[in-house]
Amino acid sequence: MIRVLQGGGAWAAASLPVFAQQRVYLSEEQALRVVFPGSTRVRAEDKALTPAQQEEIERRLRARLGGATQRVWRGETAGRADGYAMVVDEVGREQAITFIVGLGPDLKVRKVALMVFRETRGGDVDDPRFTNQFKGKSARDPLQVGGDIIGIAGATLSSRAFCRGTRRVLLICDALYGR
């Protein structure tokens, strides 16, 4: 794709990167309805991890969180928590894959759903045969392709991205709500 830029009275063509076609499966609002189907209220909470919590999570993930403040969605009915959810952007091969991870009040995975897929290959991670494997998983589970999760042929990097992102959500929510 070429975009023409005007600068200093002269015209110049700038080459822009070509991205894989973006496929939107769920908006944020739709994804929240999927993970909190019976909740009467869903609200965002920006929660801060303590430095010790952040350090422990980063050690267990072997990756940086990008900040102590995390946005967690909380589903409620009659003032009681129905569960928690986070929207995750996790890189597959080259692009971010956006998905939601919904947890029950017991901090076990209730639902994982693909929201936006930007890669050229690996979009089969929206298959329920894949996403249903995450149900019931907790922060104590390894979530590894080839271990407790069977990956999708041709979508290995996308499968791994789902595992990394789900594990991230489990560890964050366990630190914020579990102890």
N, C-alpha and C. Protein backbone atom coordinates (compact mmCIF):
# COMPACT_ATOMS: atom_id res chain seq x y z
N MET A 1 0.85 -1.17 0.00
CA MET A 1 0.00 0.00 0.00
C MET A 1 0.90 1.23 0.00
N ILE A 2 0.57 2.21 -0.81
CA ILE A 2 1.35 3.44 -0.90
C ILE A 2 0.45 4.60 -0.47
N ARG A 3 1.02 5.45 0.38
CA ARG A 3 0.30 6.65 0.82
C ARG A 3 1.14 7.84 0.39
N VAL A 4 0.52 8.84 -0.17
CA VAL A 4 1.23 10.02 -0.62
C VAL A 4 1.21 11.06 0.49
N LEU A 5 2.41 11.52 0.84
CA LEU A 5 2.57 12.51 1.90
C LEU A 5 3.03 13.82 1.29
N GLN A 6 2.53 14.93 1.82
CA GLN A 6 2.97 16.23 1.34
C GLN A 6 3.82 16.84 2.43
N GLY A 7 5.00 17.27 2.10
CA GLY A 7 5.88 17.90 3.09
C GLY A 7 6.81 18.87 2.40
N GLY A 8 6.89 20.07 2.91
CA GLY A 8 7.81 21.08 2.37
C GLY A 8 7.51 21.44 0.92
N GLY A 9 6.28 21.36 0.48
CA GLY A 9 5.91 21.74 -0.86
C GLY A 9 6.13 20.65 -1.89
N ALA A 10 6.79 19.55 -1.51
CA ALA A 10 7.05 18.47 -2.46
C ALA A 10 6.21 17.25 -2.07
N TRP A 11 5.89 16.44 -3.06
CA TRP A 11 5.12 15.22 -2.79
C TRP A 11 6.10 14.05 -2.69
N ALA A 12 5.85 13.18 -1.72
CA ALA A 12 6.70 11.99 -1.57
C ALA A 12 5.81 10.79 -1.29
N ALA A 13 6.22 9.66 -1.77
CA ALA A 13 5.47 8.43 -1.51
C ALA A 13 6.15 7.68 -0.37
N ALA A 14 5.37 7.29 0.59
CA ALA A 14 5.91 6.52 1.72
C ALA A 14 5.32 5.12 1.68
N SER A 15 6.17 4.16 1.80
CA SER A 15 5.72 2.77 1.80
C SER A 15 5.26 2.40 3.21
N LEU A 16 4.07 1.88 3.33
CA LEU A 16 3.54 1.46 4.62
C LEU A 16 3.61 -0.05 4.73
N PRO A 17 3.76 -0.57 5.94
CA PRO A 17 3.81 -2.02 6.09
C PRO A 17 2.48 -2.66 5.70
N VAL A 18 2.57 -3.84 5.14
CA VAL A 18 1.38 -4.58 4.75
C VAL A 18 1.08 -5.58 5.86
N PHE A 19 -0.11 -5.50 6.42
CA PHE A 19 -0.51 -6.38 7.49
C PHE A 19 -1.46 -7.44 6.98
N ALA A 20 -1.50 -8.56 7.68
CA ALA A 20 -2.47 -9.60 7.35
C ALA A 20 -3.86 -9.01 7.51
N GLN A 21 -4.80 -9.60 6.83
CA GLN A 21 -6.17 -9.12 6.94
C GLN A 21 -6.66 -9.33 8.36
N GLN A 22 -7.23 -8.31 8.93
CA GLN A 22 -7.77 -8.38 10.28
C GLN A 22 -9.18 -8.95 10.24
N ARG A 23 -9.41 -10.00 11.00
CA ARG A 23 -10.74 -10.59 11.09
C ARG A 23 -11.29 -10.37 12.49
N VAL A 24 -12.41 -9.68 12.58
CA VAL A 24 -13.03 -9.40 13.87
C VAL A 24 -14.12 -10.44 14.11
N TYR A 25 -13.99 -11.17 15.20
CA TYR A 25 -14.96 -12.20 15.57
C TYR A 25 -15.95 -11.66 16.60
N LEU A 26 -15.44 -10.91 17.58
CA LEU A 26 -16.30 -10.36 18.63
C LEU A 26 -15.82 -8.96 18.99
N SER A 27 -16.76 -8.05 19.22
CA SER A 27 -16.41 -6.75 19.78
C SER A 27 -16.18 -6.97 21.28
N GLU A 28 -15.66 -5.97 21.96
CA GLU A 28 -15.46 -6.09 23.41
C GLU A 28 -16.79 -6.33 24.12
N GLU A 29 -17.82 -5.60 23.72
CA GLU A 29 -19.14 -5.76 24.32
C GLU A 29 -19.68 -7.18 24.11
N GLN A 30 -19.55 -7.70 22.90
CA GLN A 30 -20.01 -9.06 22.61
C GLN A 30 -19.22 -10.09 23.41
N ALA A 31 -17.91 -9.89 23.50
CA ALA A 31 -17.05 -10.83 24.24
C ALA A 31 -17.43 -10.85 25.72
N LEU A 32 -17.73 -9.69 26.28
CA LEU A 32 -18.13 -9.64 27.69
C LEU A 32 -19.45 -10.36 27.91
N ARG A 33 -20.36 -10.27 26.94
CA ARG A 33 -21.63 -11.02 27.05
C ARG A 33 -21.40 -12.52 26.98
N VAL A 34 -20.41 -12.93 26.19
CA VAL A 34 -20.09 -14.36 26.06
C VAL A 34 -19.55 -14.91 27.38
N VAL A 35 -18.67 -14.16 28.05
CA VAL A 35 -18.07 -14.68 29.29
C VAL A 35 -18.92 -14.42 30.53
N PHE A 36 -19.85 -13.46 30.46
CA PHE A 36 -20.74 -13.18 31.59
C PHE A 36 -22.20 -13.25 31.14
N PRO A 37 -22.67 -14.40 30.67
CA PRO A 37 -24.01 -14.47 30.09
C PRO A 37 -25.14 -14.19 31.08
N GLY A 38 -24.97 -14.52 32.34
CA GLY A 38 -26.05 -14.33 33.30
C GLY A 38 -25.86 -13.16 34.24
N SER A 39 -24.79 -12.42 34.09
CA SER A 39 -24.49 -11.30 34.99
C SER A 39 -25.42 -10.13 34.73
N THR A 40 -25.86 -9.48 35.79
CA THR A 40 -26.71 -8.30 35.65
C THR A 40 -25.90 -7.02 35.51
N ARG A 41 -24.62 -7.09 35.91
CA ARG A 41 -23.75 -5.92 35.81
C ARG A 41 -22.34 -6.38 35.48
N VAL A 42 -21.71 -5.67 34.55
CA VAL A 42 -20.31 -5.93 34.21
C VAL A 42 -19.60 -4.59 34.27
N ARG A 43 -18.51 -4.56 35.03
CA ARG A 43 -17.78 -3.30 35.17
C ARG A 43 -16.29 -3.53 35.11
N ALA A 44 -15.57 -2.53 34.65
CA ALA A 44 -14.12 -2.59 34.55
C ALA A 44 -13.52 -2.13 35.87
N GLU A 45 -12.49 -2.84 36.28
CA GLU A 45 -11.71 -2.45 37.46
C GLU A 45 -10.26 -2.34 37.03
N ASP A 46 -9.66 -1.19 37.27
CA ASP A 46 -8.23 -1.04 37.04
C ASP A 46 -7.54 -1.31 38.37
N LYS A 47 -6.92 -2.47 38.47
CA LYS A 47 -6.32 -2.93 39.71
C LYS A 47 -4.81 -2.89 39.60
N ALA A 48 -4.16 -2.48 40.67
CA ALA A 48 -2.70 -2.40 40.69
C ALA A 48 -2.11 -3.58 41.45
N LEU A 49 -1.17 -4.23 40.82
CA LEU A 49 -0.40 -5.28 41.47
C LEU A 49 0.66 -4.63 42.35
N THR A 50 0.98 -5.25 43.46
CA THR A 50 2.10 -4.77 44.26
C THR A 50 3.38 -5.10 43.50
N PRO A 51 4.49 -4.42 43.83
CA PRO A 51 5.76 -4.77 43.17
C PRO A 51 6.12 -6.25 43.35
N ALA A 52 5.85 -6.80 44.53
CA ALA A 52 6.16 -8.22 44.77
C ALA A 52 5.28 -9.12 43.90
N GLN A 53 3.99 -8.79 43.76
CA GLN A 53 3.09 -9.58 42.91
C GLN A 53 3.55 -9.52 41.45
N GLN A 54 3.86 -8.31 40.99
CA GLN A 54 4.30 -8.14 39.60
C GLN A 54 5.57 -8.92 39.34
N GLU A 55 6.52 -8.84 40.25
CA GLU A 55 7.79 -9.56 40.09
C GLU A 55 7.57 -11.07 40.05
N GLU A 56 6.70 -11.58 40.92
CA GLU A 56 6.42 -13.02 40.96
C GLU A 56 5.73 -13.48 39.66
N ILE A 57 4.77 -12.72 39.18
CA ILE A 57 4.08 -13.09 37.94
C ILE A 57 5.06 -13.06 36.77
N GLU A 58 5.87 -12.02 36.67
CA GLU A 58 6.85 -11.93 35.59
C GLU A 58 7.86 -13.08 35.66
N ARG A 59 8.24 -13.48 36.86
CA ARG A 59 9.16 -14.61 37.01
C ARG A 59 8.51 -15.90 36.50
N ARG A 60 7.24 -16.10 36.87
CA ARG A 60 6.54 -17.33 36.45
C ARG A 60 6.24 -17.34 34.96
N LEU A 61 5.97 -16.17 34.39
CA LEU A 61 5.70 -16.08 32.95
C LEU A 61 6.98 -16.03 32.11
N ARG A 62 8.06 -15.63 32.74
CA ARG A 62 9.31 -15.36 32.02
C ARG A 62 9.09 -14.29 30.96
N ALA A 63 8.30 -13.28 31.35
CA ALA A 63 7.97 -12.17 30.45
C ALA A 63 7.54 -10.97 31.29
N ARG A 64 7.67 -9.80 30.72
CA ARG A 64 7.25 -8.56 31.37
C ARG A 64 5.75 -8.37 31.22
N LEU A 65 5.13 -7.75 32.22
CA LEU A 65 3.70 -7.45 32.17
C LEU A 65 3.42 -6.13 31.48
N GLY A 66 4.35 -5.22 31.47
CA GLY A 66 4.12 -3.93 30.85
C GLY A 66 3.50 -2.92 31.79
N GLY A 67 3.45 -3.22 33.07
CA GLY A 67 2.93 -2.28 34.05
C GLY A 67 2.20 -3.00 35.17
N ALA A 68 2.09 -2.30 36.30
CA ALA A 68 1.44 -2.89 37.47
C ALA A 68 -0.08 -2.81 37.39
N THR A 69 -0.61 -1.82 36.68
CA THR A 69 -2.06 -1.64 36.61
C THR A 69 -2.65 -2.53 35.53
N GLN A 70 -3.63 -3.31 35.90
CA GLN A 70 -4.27 -4.26 34.99
C GLN A 70 -5.78 -3.99 34.93
N ARG A 71 -6.35 -4.04 33.74
CA ARG A 71 -7.79 -3.87 33.59
C ARG A 71 -8.45 -5.24 33.66
N VAL A 72 -9.30 -5.40 34.67
CA VAL A 72 -10.03 -6.65 34.86
C VAL A 72 -11.51 -6.32 34.81
N TRP A 73 -12.27 -7.12 34.08
CA TRP A 73 -13.71 -6.96 34.02
C TRP A 73 -14.32 -7.88 35.07
N ARG A 74 -15.30 -7.37 35.79
CA ARG A 74 -15.94 -8.14 36.86
C ARG A 74 -17.43 -8.24 36.55
N GLY A 75 -17.93 -9.47 36.47
CA GLY A 75 -19.35 -9.70 36.28
C GLY A 75 -19.99 -9.89 37.64
N GLU A 76 -21.16 -9.27 37.84
CA GLU A 76 -21.83 -9.33 39.14
C GLU A 76 -23.31 -9.60 38.98
N THR A 77 -23.87 -10.25 39.96
CA THR A 77 -25.31 -10.43 40.10
C THR A 77 -25.63 -10.28 41.58
N ALA A 78 -26.54 -9.40 41.90
CA ALA A 78 -26.95 -9.14 43.29
C ALA A 78 -25.74 -8.81 44.17
N GLY A 79 -24.79 -8.04 43.61
CA GLY A 79 -23.63 -7.60 44.38
C GLY A 79 -22.54 -8.64 44.58
N ARG A 80 -22.73 -9.84 44.08
CA ARG A 80 -21.72 -10.90 44.23
C ARG A 80 -21.00 -11.11 42.89
N ALA A 81 -19.72 -11.40 42.98
CA ALA A 81 -18.92 -11.62 41.76
C ALA A 81 -19.31 -12.92 41.08
N ASP A 82 -19.66 -12.82 39.79
CA ASP A 82 -19.92 -14.01 38.97
C ASP A 82 -18.62 -14.51 38.36
N GLY A 83 -17.63 -13.63 38.30
CA GLY A 83 -16.35 -13.99 37.72
C GLY A 83 -15.59 -12.77 37.25
N TYR A 84 -14.48 -13.05 36.59
CA TYR A 84 -13.57 -12.01 36.14
C TYR A 84 -13.16 -12.31 34.71
N ALA A 85 -12.74 -11.28 33.99
CA ALA A 85 -12.29 -11.48 32.62
C ALA A 85 -11.24 -10.42 32.28
N MET A 86 -10.37 -10.80 31.37
CA MET A 86 -9.40 -9.85 30.83
C MET A 86 -9.32 -10.04 29.33
N VAL A 87 -9.15 -8.93 28.62
CA VAL A 87 -8.91 -8.95 27.19
C VAL A 87 -7.41 -8.96 27.01
N VAL A 88 -6.93 -9.89 26.18
CA VAL A 88 -5.50 -10.12 26.02
C VAL A 88 -5.10 -9.87 24.57
N ASP A 89 -3.95 -9.24 24.38
CA ASP A 89 -3.30 -9.13 23.08
C ASP A 89 -2.00 -9.90 23.19
N GLU A 90 -1.90 -10.98 22.48
CA GLU A 90 -0.71 -11.83 22.55
C GLU A 90 -0.23 -12.07 21.13
N VAL A 91 1.05 -11.88 20.88
CA VAL A 91 1.61 -12.04 19.53
C VAL A 91 1.65 -13.51 19.15
N GLY A 92 1.14 -13.79 17.94
CA GLY A 92 1.22 -15.14 17.38
C GLY A 92 2.55 -15.27 16.67
N ARG A 93 2.54 -15.16 15.36
CA ARG A 93 3.80 -15.19 14.61
C ARG A 93 4.40 -13.79 14.55
N GLU A 94 3.58 -12.83 14.07
CA GLU A 94 4.06 -11.45 13.92
C GLU A 94 3.08 -10.41 14.45
N GLN A 95 1.82 -10.76 14.51
CA GLN A 95 0.77 -9.81 14.87
C GLN A 95 0.10 -10.21 16.18
N ALA A 96 -0.55 -9.23 16.80
CA ALA A 96 -1.28 -9.49 18.04
C ALA A 96 -2.58 -10.24 17.73
N ILE A 97 -2.87 -11.20 18.55
CA ILE A 97 -4.14 -11.92 18.52
C ILE A 97 -4.90 -11.44 19.76
N THR A 98 -6.10 -10.94 19.57
CA THR A 98 -6.88 -10.42 20.69
C THR A 98 -7.95 -11.44 21.07
N PHE A 99 -7.99 -11.78 22.35
CA PHE A 99 -8.99 -12.71 22.83
C PHE A 99 -9.35 -12.38 24.27
N ILE A 100 -10.44 -12.94 24.74
CA ILE A 100 -10.89 -12.71 26.10
C ILE A 100 -10.81 -14.02 26.86
N VAL A 101 -10.41 -13.91 28.12
CA VAL A 101 -10.35 -15.06 29.02
C VAL A 101 -11.29 -14.74 30.17
N GLY A 102 -12.33 -15.57 30.33
CA GLY A 102 -13.29 -15.40 31.41
C GLY A 102 -13.08 -16.45 32.49
N LEU A 103 -13.04 -16.01 33.74
CA LEU A 103 -12.85 -16.90 34.87
C LEU A 103 -14.10 -16.90 35.74
N GLY A 104 -14.35 -18.01 36.39
CA GLY A 104 -15.42 -18.08 37.37
C GLY A 104 -14.94 -17.47 38.68
N PRO A 105 -15.82 -17.35 39.68
CA PRO A 105 -15.40 -16.81 40.97
C PRO A 105 -14.35 -17.68 41.66
N ASP A 106 -14.23 -18.95 41.23
CA ASP A 106 -13.20 -19.86 41.76
C ASP A 106 -11.86 -19.67 41.06
N LEU A 107 -11.77 -18.67 40.15
CA LEU A 107 -10.57 -18.32 39.40
C LEU A 107 -10.10 -19.45 38.49
N LYS A 108 -11.05 -20.23 38.00
CA LYS A 108 -10.76 -21.23 36.97
C LYS A 108 -11.39 -20.77 35.66
N VAL A 109 -10.75 -21.12 34.55
CA VAL A 109 -11.22 -20.67 33.25
C VAL A 109 -12.62 -21.19 32.99
N ARG A 110 -13.48 -20.27 32.62
CA ARG A 110 -14.85 -20.61 32.24
C ARG A 110 -14.99 -20.57 30.71
N LYS A 111 -14.30 -19.59 30.08
CA LYS A 111 -14.46 -19.41 28.64
C LYS A 111 -13.26 -18.65 28.08
N VAL A 112 -12.80 -19.07 26.92
CA VAL A 112 -11.79 -18.35 26.15
C VAL A 112 -12.40 -18.14 24.77
N ALA A 113 -12.38 -16.90 24.27
CA ALA A 113 -13.01 -16.61 22.99
C ALA A 113 -12.15 -15.64 22.17
N LEU A 114 -11.97 -15.98 20.90
CA LEU A 114 -11.21 -15.15 19.98
C LEU A 114 -12.02 -13.90 19.63
N MET A 115 -11.35 -12.75 19.69
CA MET A 115 -12.00 -11.48 19.35
C MET A 115 -11.51 -10.94 18.01
N VAL A 116 -10.18 -10.81 17.84
CA VAL A 116 -9.61 -10.27 16.60
C VAL A 116 -8.39 -11.10 16.23
N PHE A 117 -8.35 -11.53 14.96
CA PHE A 117 -7.21 -12.30 14.46
C PHE A 117 -6.58 -11.54 13.32
N ARG A 118 -5.26 -11.32 13.40
CA ARG A 118 -4.56 -10.48 12.43
C ARG A 118 -3.52 -11.22 11.60
N GLU A 119 -3.25 -12.46 11.91
CA GLU A 119 -2.22 -13.24 11.20
C GLU A 119 -2.76 -13.76 9.87
N THR A 120 -1.87 -14.21 9.01
CA THR A 120 -2.29 -14.78 7.74
C THR A 120 -2.70 -16.24 7.89
N ARG A 121 -2.13 -16.92 8.92
CA ARG A 121 -2.46 -18.33 9.17
C ARG A 121 -2.68 -18.54 10.66
N GLY A 122 -3.41 -19.60 10.99
CA GLY A 122 -3.58 -19.97 12.39
C GLY A 122 -4.90 -19.56 12.99
N GLY A 123 -5.82 -19.08 12.18
CA GLY A 123 -7.12 -18.61 12.68
C GLY A 123 -8.02 -19.71 13.21
N ASP A 124 -7.60 -20.96 13.09
CA ASP A 124 -8.42 -22.06 13.58
C ASP A 124 -8.48 -22.12 15.10
N VAL A 125 -7.78 -21.22 15.79
CA VAL A 125 -7.84 -21.20 17.26
C VAL A 125 -9.21 -20.80 17.78
N ASP A 126 -10.12 -20.41 16.91
CA ASP A 126 -11.49 -20.12 17.35
C ASP A 126 -12.34 -21.39 17.44
N ASP A 127 -11.79 -22.53 17.04
CA ASP A 127 -12.51 -23.81 17.07
C ASP A 127 -12.79 -24.22 18.51
N PRO A 128 -14.05 -24.49 18.86
CA PRO A 128 -14.38 -24.91 20.23
C PRO A 128 -13.62 -26.14 20.71
N ARG A 129 -13.22 -27.01 19.77
CA ARG A 129 -12.42 -28.18 20.18
C ARG A 129 -11.09 -27.74 20.78
N PHE A 130 -10.60 -26.59 20.35
CA PHE A 130 -9.37 -26.04 20.92
C PHE A 130 -9.68 -25.23 22.18
N THR A 131 -10.57 -24.26 22.09
CA THR A 131 -10.81 -23.35 23.21
C THR A 131 -11.43 -24.05 24.42
N ASN A 132 -12.19 -25.11 24.21
CA ASN A 132 -12.80 -25.82 25.34
C ASN A 132 -11.77 -26.53 26.22
N GLN A 133 -10.56 -26.74 25.70
CA GLN A 133 -9.51 -27.37 26.51
C GLN A 133 -9.09 -26.51 27.70
N PHE A 134 -9.36 -25.21 27.63
CA PHE A 134 -8.95 -24.31 28.69
C PHE A 134 -9.92 -24.32 29.88
N LYS A 135 -11.14 -24.80 29.66
CA LYS A 135 -12.14 -24.81 30.73
C LYS A 135 -11.63 -25.57 31.94
N GLY A 136 -11.82 -24.94 33.10
CA GLY A 136 -11.42 -25.57 34.35
C GLY A 136 -9.96 -25.41 34.72
N LYS A 137 -9.16 -24.82 33.83
CA LYS A 137 -7.74 -24.63 34.12
C LYS A 137 -7.58 -23.52 35.17
N SER A 138 -6.54 -23.66 36.00
CA SER A 138 -6.26 -22.66 37.03
C SER A 138 -4.81 -22.20 36.91
N ALA A 139 -4.41 -21.31 37.81
CA ALA A 139 -3.04 -20.78 37.80
C ALA A 139 -2.02 -21.87 38.08
N ARG A 140 -2.45 -23.00 38.59
CA ARG A 140 -1.53 -24.11 38.88
C ARG A 140 -1.27 -25.01 37.67
N ASP A 141 -2.04 -24.84 36.61
CA ASP A 141 -1.87 -25.66 35.41
C ASP A 141 -0.78 -25.06 34.51
N PRO A 142 0.00 -25.93 33.83
CA PRO A 142 1.10 -25.42 33.00
C PRO A 142 0.66 -24.69 31.74
N LEU A 143 -0.47 -25.07 31.15
CA LEU A 143 -0.95 -24.48 29.89
C LEU A 143 0.15 -24.46 28.83
N GLN A 144 0.51 -25.63 28.39
CA GLN A 144 1.55 -25.76 27.37
C GLN A 144 1.05 -26.63 26.22
N VAL A 145 1.27 -26.13 25.00
CA VAL A 145 0.95 -26.92 23.82
C VAL A 145 1.85 -28.14 23.83
N GLY A 146 1.26 -29.30 23.64
CA GLY A 146 2.00 -30.55 23.69
C GLY A 146 2.02 -31.13 25.09
N GLY A 147 1.51 -30.40 26.05
CA GLY A 147 1.40 -30.88 27.43
C GLY A 147 -0.07 -31.08 27.75
N ASP A 148 -0.63 -30.12 28.49
CA ASP A 148 -2.04 -30.21 28.86
C ASP A 148 -2.98 -29.59 27.82
N ILE A 149 -2.42 -28.98 26.78
CA ILE A 149 -3.22 -28.39 25.69
C ILE A 149 -2.75 -29.00 24.37
N ILE A 150 -3.71 -29.50 23.60
CA ILE A 150 -3.41 -30.03 22.26
C ILE A 150 -3.54 -28.87 21.28
N GLY A 151 -2.45 -28.57 20.58
CA GLY A 151 -2.45 -27.46 19.64
C GLY A 151 -3.19 -27.80 18.36
N ILE A 152 -3.35 -26.78 17.54
CA ILE A 152 -4.01 -26.93 16.25
C ILE A 152 -2.92 -27.03 15.18
N ALA A 153 -2.99 -28.06 14.34
CA ALA A 153 -2.03 -28.20 13.25
C ALA A 153 -2.13 -26.99 12.33
N GLY A 154 -1.01 -26.38 12.03
CA GLY A 154 -0.99 -25.19 11.18
C GLY A 154 -1.23 -23.91 11.95
N ALA A 155 -1.45 -24.03 13.26
CA ALA A 155 -1.70 -22.87 14.10
C ALA A 155 -0.90 -22.98 15.40
N THR A 156 0.29 -23.53 15.30
CA THR A 156 1.10 -23.76 16.50
C THR A 156 1.40 -22.48 17.25
N LEU A 157 1.84 -21.44 16.55
CA LEU A 157 2.18 -20.19 17.22
C LEU A 157 0.94 -19.50 17.80
N SER A 158 -0.18 -19.60 17.11
CA SER A 158 -1.44 -19.05 17.64
C SER A 158 -1.89 -19.84 18.86
N SER A 159 -1.73 -21.15 18.83
CA SER A 159 -2.08 -21.99 19.97
C SER A 159 -1.23 -21.62 21.19
N ARG A 160 0.06 -21.41 20.96
CA ARG A 160 0.96 -21.01 22.05
C ARG A 160 0.59 -19.64 22.59
N ALA A 161 0.17 -18.73 21.70
CA ALA A 161 -0.24 -17.39 22.13
C ALA A 161 -1.45 -17.48 23.07
N PHE A 162 -2.40 -18.35 22.75
CA PHE A 162 -3.56 -18.54 23.62
C PHE A 162 -3.13 -19.08 24.98
N CYS A 163 -2.19 -20.00 24.98
CA CYS A 163 -1.70 -20.56 26.25
C CYS A 163 -1.01 -19.48 27.09
N ARG A 164 -0.13 -18.70 26.47
CA ARG A 164 0.58 -17.63 27.19
C ARG A 164 -0.38 -16.61 27.76
N GLY A 165 -1.33 -16.16 26.94
CA GLY A 165 -2.28 -15.14 27.38
C GLY A 165 -3.20 -15.64 28.47
N THR A 166 -3.66 -16.87 28.35
CA THR A 166 -4.55 -17.42 29.37
C THR A 166 -3.80 -17.60 30.68
N ARG A 167 -2.58 -18.05 30.60
CA ARG A 167 -1.76 -18.20 31.82
C ARG A 167 -1.54 -16.84 32.47
N ARG A 168 -1.29 -15.82 31.67
CA ARG A 168 -1.11 -14.46 32.18
C ARG A 168 -2.35 -14.01 32.97
N VAL A 169 -3.52 -14.22 32.39
CA VAL A 169 -4.77 -13.83 33.06
C VAL A 169 -4.95 -14.59 34.37
N LEU A 170 -4.70 -15.89 34.33
CA LEU A 170 -4.85 -16.71 35.54
C LEU A 170 -3.92 -16.24 36.65
N LEU A 171 -2.67 -15.94 36.33
CA LEU A 171 -1.73 -15.50 37.35
C LEU A 171 -2.08 -14.12 37.90
N ILE A 172 -2.49 -13.21 37.03
CA ILE A 172 -2.87 -11.87 37.47
C ILE A 172 -4.09 -11.93 38.37
N CYS A 173 -5.13 -12.63 37.93
CA CYS A 173 -6.36 -12.69 38.73
C CYS A 173 -6.15 -13.45 40.04
N ASP A 174 -5.30 -14.46 40.01
CA ASP A 174 -4.98 -15.18 41.24
C ASP A 174 -4.30 -14.24 42.23
N ALA A 175 -3.38 -13.41 41.75
CA ALA A 175 -2.70 -12.47 42.62
C ALA A 175 -3.66 -11.40 43.15
N LEU A 176 -4.57 -10.91 42.32
CA LEU A 176 -5.47 -9.83 42.71
C LEU A 176 -6.66 -10.29 43.55
N TYR A 177 -7.19 -11.47 43.27
CA TYR A 177 -8.44 -11.89 43.90
C TYR A 177 -8.34 -13.19 44.69
N GLY A 178 -7.25 -13.93 44.50
CA GLY A 178 -7.19 -15.27 45.08
C GLY A 178 -6.61 -15.36 46.48
N ARG A 179 -5.85 -14.40 46.87
CA ARG A 179 -5.18 -14.52 48.16
C ARG A 179 -5.70 -13.53 49.15
